[in-house]
C-alpha cells in the first residue's frame, strides 16, 4: 500500500516540476529520475500481486 502513496507523491512531484523555475537541463534530469522511480514502484507493486486470472 505504501508504494501507491509513493507513486502518488512522485506524480505530484512531476506536476510541481513543470511549474517550478528550475533550469531546463536540471528539470530534464528531475523528470527522468521521477519517471524511473514511478516505473520501478509501479512494476514492483504489480509484481507483488502475483498472476491474475484473465477471466476476472
C-alpha atoms as a PDB file:
ATOM      1  CA  UNK A   1       0.000   0.000   0.000  1.00  0.00           C
ATOM      2  CA  UNK A   2       2.831   2.388   0.740  1.00  0.00           C
ATOM      3  CA  UNK A   3       4.066   2.017  -2.851  1.00  0.00           C
ATOM      4  CA  UNK A   4       0.796   3.502  -4.075  1.00  0.00           C
ATOM      5  CA  UNK A   5       1.389   6.539  -1.861  1.00  0.00           C
ATOM      6  CA  UNK A   6       4.913   6.921  -3.230  1.00  0.00           C
ATOM      7  CA  UNK A   7       3.575   6.764  -6.804  1.00  0.00           C
ATOM      8  CA  UNK A   8       1.044   9.469  -5.949  1.00  0.00           C
ATOM      9  CA  UNK A   9       3.679  11.692  -4.362  1.00  0.00           C
ATOM     10  CA  UNK A  10       6.023  11.228  -7.323  1.00  0.00           C
ATOM     11  CA  UNK A  11       3.150  12.090  -9.665  1.00  0.00           C
ATOM     12  CA  UNK A  12       2.552  15.301  -7.759  1.00  0.00           C
ATOM     13  CA  UNK A  13       6.290  15.999  -7.938  1.00  0.00           C
ATOM     14  CA  UNK A  14       6.167  15.761 -11.727  1.00  0.00           C
ATOM     15  CA  UNK A  15       3.302  18.276 -11.790  1.00  0.00           C
ATOM     16  CA  UNK A  16       5.224  20.597  -9.451  1.00  0.00           C
ATOM     17  CA  UNK A  17       8.421  20.329 -11.520  1.00  0.00           C
ATOM     18  CA  UNK A  18       6.578  21.511 -14.596  1.00  0.00           C
ATOM     19  CA  UNK A  19       5.796  24.854 -12.941  1.00  0.00           C
ATOM     20  CA  UNK A  20       8.943  25.246 -10.826  1.00  0.00           C
ATOM     21  CA  UNK A  21      11.532  27.726 -12.002  1.00  0.00           C
ATOM     22  CA  UNK A  22      14.380  25.265 -12.497  1.00  0.00           C
ATOM     23  CA  UNK A  23      16.772  25.442 -15.422  1.00  0.00           C
ATOM     24  CA  UNK A  24      15.762  23.244 -18.346  1.00  0.00           C
ATOM     25  CA  UNK A  25      18.728  20.878 -18.034  1.00  0.00           C
ATOM     26  CA  UNK A  26      18.115  20.322 -14.311  1.00  0.00           C
ATOM     27  CA  UNK A  27      14.380  19.945 -14.897  1.00  0.00           C
ATOM     28  CA  UNK A  28      15.005  17.247 -17.529  1.00  0.00           C
ATOM     29  CA  UNK A  29      17.178  15.297 -15.098  1.00  0.00           C
ATOM     30  CA  UNK A  30      14.495  15.511 -12.400  1.00  0.00           C
ATOM     31  CA  UNK A  31      11.799  14.382 -14.855  1.00  0.00           C
ATOM     32  CA  UNK A  32      13.860  11.367 -15.904  1.00  0.00           C
ATOM     33  CA  UNK A  33      14.619  10.381 -12.300  1.00  0.00           C
ATOM     34  CA  UNK A  34      10.961  10.811 -11.322  1.00  0.00           C
ATOM     35  CA  UNK A  35       9.810   8.753 -14.297  1.00  0.00           C
ATOM     36  CA  UNK A  36      12.235   5.953 -13.488  1.00  0.00           C
ATOM     37  CA  UNK A  37      11.107   5.879  -9.858  1.00  0.00           C
ATOM     38  CA  UNK A  38       7.423   5.847 -10.825  1.00  0.00           C
ATOM     39  CA  UNK A  39       8.034   2.976 -13.237  1.00  0.00           C
ATOM     40  CA  UNK A  40      10.052   0.973 -10.695  1.00  0.00           C
ATOM     41  CA  UNK A  41       7.475   1.358  -7.929  1.00  0.00           C
ATOM     42  CA  UNK A  42       4.604   0.613 -10.316  1.00  0.00           C
ATOM     43  CA  UNK A  43       6.187  -2.576 -11.668  1.00  0.00           C
ATOM     44  CA  UNK A  44       7.197  -3.611  -8.164  1.00  0.00           C
ATOM     45  CA  UNK A  45       3.647  -3.098  -6.909  1.00  0.00           C
ATOM     46  CA  UNK A  46       2.177  -5.144  -9.765  1.00  0.00           C
ATOM     47  CA  UNK A  47       4.724  -7.936  -9.382  1.00  0.00           C
ATOM     48  CA  UNK A  48       3.787  -8.443  -5.717  1.00  0.00           C
ATOM     49  CA  UNK A  49       0.149  -9.067  -6.612  1.00  0.00           C
ATOM     50  CA  UNK A  50       1.093 -12.245  -8.430  1.00  0.00           C
ATOM     51  CA  UNK A  51      -0.524 -13.726 -11.512  1.00  0.00           C
ATOM     52  CA  UNK A  52      -4.117 -12.707 -12.124  1.00  0.00           C
ATOM     53  CA  UNK A  53      -6.849 -14.715 -13.721  1.00  0.00           C
ATOM     54  CA  UNK A  54      -7.837 -13.188 -17.080  1.00  0.00           C
ATOM     55  CA  UNK A  55     -11.470 -14.222 -16.555  1.00  0.00           C
ATOM     56  CA  UNK A  56     -11.850 -11.931 -13.510  1.00  0.00           C
END
